[in-house]
Amino acid sequence: MKPLSPTPEYFNKMQESTLPALLGIEVLEVGPQTLRARMPIKPHHLAPNGFLHAASVVALADTCCGYGCVAHLPEGAKGFTTVELKTNHLGTALEGTIECEARGVHLGRTTQVWDATVKAGGKTIALFRCTQMVLR
């Protein structure tokens, strides 16, 4: 169900003891059709080859889009489920923080489509798109 006040504090509290919290994801901003978050790169985010694991990047992008969907659910919706996602990985990062901005490109009654851009040091490292089915 859509929160009464979809603030960064709401999402950061809601995610306690779940994967986003364990990964260190922090929601920074919730705006009209947008949501921004960041994640510090720690050793557990890396693949055995020493590079940022693709799943870590996807987790950040998917979390941003999912929270964006929750913040923008239509009246009467009880939630959502992801029905499709895709990521293009364009680069990597070895340290520091990665940031993500998700943007709602279609906020319908039955589906939503969200695009996200993940950056490291201002450089785009991934483009992500997902489709969510709105649950009633």
Protein backbone atom coordinates (compact mmCIF):
# COMPACT_ATOMS: atom_id res chain seq x y z
CA MET A 1 0.00 0.00 0.00
CA LYS A 2 1.20 3.52 -0.76
CA PRO A 3 2.76 5.20 2.29
CA LEU A 4 1.07 8.35 3.57
CA SER A 5 4.41 10.13 3.49
CA PRO A 6 6.87 8.57 1.02
CA THR A 7 10.03 10.20 2.40
CA PRO A 8 13.61 8.95 2.39
CA GLU A 9 13.24 8.34 6.13
CA TYR A 10 10.18 6.16 5.51
CA PHE A 11 12.02 3.93 3.03
CA ASN A 12 15.25 3.76 5.06
CA LYS A 13 13.26 2.66 8.13
CA MET A 14 11.05 0.25 6.16
CA GLN A 15 14.05 -1.63 4.74
CA GLU A 16 15.67 -2.44 8.10
CA SER A 17 16.81 -6.10 8.27
CA THR A 18 16.18 -6.63 4.54
CA LEU A 19 18.54 -6.94 1.57
CA PRO A 20 18.69 -3.21 0.76
CA ALA A 21 19.75 -2.42 4.34
CA LEU A 22 22.27 -5.27 4.39
CA LEU A 23 23.80 -3.88 1.19
CA GLY A 24 23.99 -0.39 2.70
CA ILE A 25 21.50 1.26 0.35
CA GLU A 26 20.42 4.69 1.55
CA VAL A 27 17.48 6.55 0.01
CA LEU A 28 18.41 10.21 -0.47
CA GLU A 29 15.43 11.81 -2.18
CA VAL A 30 11.86 11.04 -3.22
CA GLY A 31 10.43 13.44 -5.78
CA PRO A 32 7.73 13.62 -8.41
CA GLN A 33 8.30 10.49 -10.54
CA THR A 34 11.87 10.14 -9.18
CA LEU A 35 13.81 8.47 -6.41
CA ARG A 36 17.54 8.73 -5.65
CA ALA A 37 19.70 6.46 -3.51
CA ARG A 38 23.33 5.51 -2.98
CA MET A 39 25.35 2.52 -1.84
CA PRO A 40 28.92 2.49 -0.54
CA ILE A 41 31.13 -0.08 -2.23
CA LYS A 42 32.33 -2.63 0.32
CA PRO A 43 34.20 -5.93 -0.19
CA HIS A 44 30.92 -7.91 -0.09
CA HIS A 45 29.70 -5.97 -3.18
CA LEU A 46 32.58 -7.30 -5.30
CA ALA A 47 32.81 -10.38 -7.48
CA PRO A 48 35.72 -12.82 -6.93
CA ASN A 49 37.60 -11.05 -9.75
CA GLY A 50 37.71 -7.85 -7.65
CA PHE A 51 35.25 -5.85 -9.74
CA LEU A 52 31.85 -4.61 -8.63
CA HIS A 53 29.42 -7.54 -8.90
CA ALA A 54 26.66 -6.95 -11.45
CA ALA A 55 24.09 -8.14 -8.91
CA SER A 56 25.13 -5.34 -6.55
CA VAL A 57 24.43 -2.76 -9.25
CA VAL A 58 21.10 -4.41 -10.13
CA ALA A 59 20.11 -4.51 -6.44
CA LEU A 60 20.61 -0.75 -6.12
CA ALA A 61 18.73 0.03 -9.35
CA ASP A 62 15.89 -2.40 -8.63
CA THR A 63 15.50 -1.04 -5.10
CA CYS A 64 15.28 2.52 -6.39
CA CYS A 65 12.68 1.60 -9.00
CA GLY A 66 10.69 -0.51 -6.54
CA TYR A 67 10.60 2.22 -3.92
CA GLY A 68 9.70 4.72 -6.64
CA CYS A 69 6.80 2.49 -7.60
CA VAL A 70 5.62 2.27 -3.98
CA ALA A 71 5.78 6.06 -3.64
CA HIS A 72 3.70 6.48 -6.81
CA LEU A 73 1.11 3.70 -6.57
CA PRO A 74 -2.32 4.66 -7.89
CA GLU A 75 -5.31 4.96 -5.58
CA GLY A 76 -6.59 1.59 -4.40
CA ALA A 77 -3.37 -0.33 -5.14
CA LYS A 78 -2.12 -2.77 -2.50
CA GLY A 79 1.40 -3.14 -3.84
CA PHE A 80 3.33 -4.27 -6.91
CA THR A 81 5.46 -7.06 -8.29
CA THR A 82 8.26 -6.80 -10.82
CA VAL A 83 7.44 -8.60 -14.07
CA GLU A 84 10.51 -7.71 -16.14
CA LEU A 85 13.92 -6.09 -15.71
CA LYS A 86 16.94 -5.43 -17.86
CA THR A 87 20.35 -3.91 -17.26
CA ASN A 88 23.10 -2.68 -19.57
CA HIS A 89 26.42 -2.56 -17.72
CA LEU A 90 28.70 0.10 -19.20
CA GLY A 91 31.47 0.29 -16.61
CA THR A 92 32.42 -0.58 -13.08
CA ALA A 93 33.77 0.87 -9.85
CA LEU A 94 36.22 -0.56 -7.35
CA GLU A 95 35.73 1.79 -4.43
CA GLY A 96 33.73 4.76 -3.21
CA THR A 97 29.99 5.04 -3.65
CA ILE A 98 27.59 4.33 -6.48
CA GLU A 99 24.46 6.44 -6.90
CA CYS A 100 21.21 5.75 -8.68
CA GLU A 101 18.40 7.90 -9.95
CA ALA A 102 15.15 6.17 -10.92
CA ARG A 103 12.56 7.90 -13.11
CA GLY A 104 9.00 6.80 -13.70
CA VAL A 105 8.36 6.78 -17.45
CA HIS A 106 4.90 5.19 -17.29
CA LEU A 107 2.77 5.33 -14.14
CA GLY A 108 -0.43 3.58 -15.15
CA ARG A 109 -3.30 1.97 -13.26
CA THR A 110 -2.08 -1.58 -13.93
CA THR A 111 1.61 -1.22 -14.79
CA GLN A 112 4.52 1.08 -14.17
CA VAL A 113 7.79 1.34 -16.10
CA TRP A 114 10.85 2.80 -14.42
CA ASP A 115 14.29 3.67 -15.84
CA ALA A 116 17.35 4.04 -13.63
CA THR A 117 20.87 5.31 -14.19
CA VAL A 118 23.65 4.10 -11.90
CA LYS A 119 26.76 6.27 -11.65
CA ALA A 120 30.16 6.06 -9.99
CA GLY A 121 32.11 9.29 -9.67
CA GLY A 122 29.73 10.99 -12.09
CA LYS A 123 30.29 8.33 -14.80
CA THR A 124 27.35 6.18 -15.90
CA ILE A 125 28.11 2.52 -15.18
CA ALA A 126 24.66 0.99 -15.77
CA LEU A 127 21.31 1.66 -17.41
CA PHE A 128 18.35 -0.25 -15.97
CA ARG A 129 14.67 -0.62 -16.90
CA CYS A 130 11.93 -2.52 -15.13
CA THR A 131 8.20 -3.06 -15.45
CA GLN A 132 5.99 -3.52 -12.41
CA MET A 133 2.49 -4.92 -12.26
CA VAL A 134 0.28 -2.95 -9.86
CA LEU A 135 -1.54 -5.26 -7.43
CA ARG A 136 -5.09 -4.54 -6.31
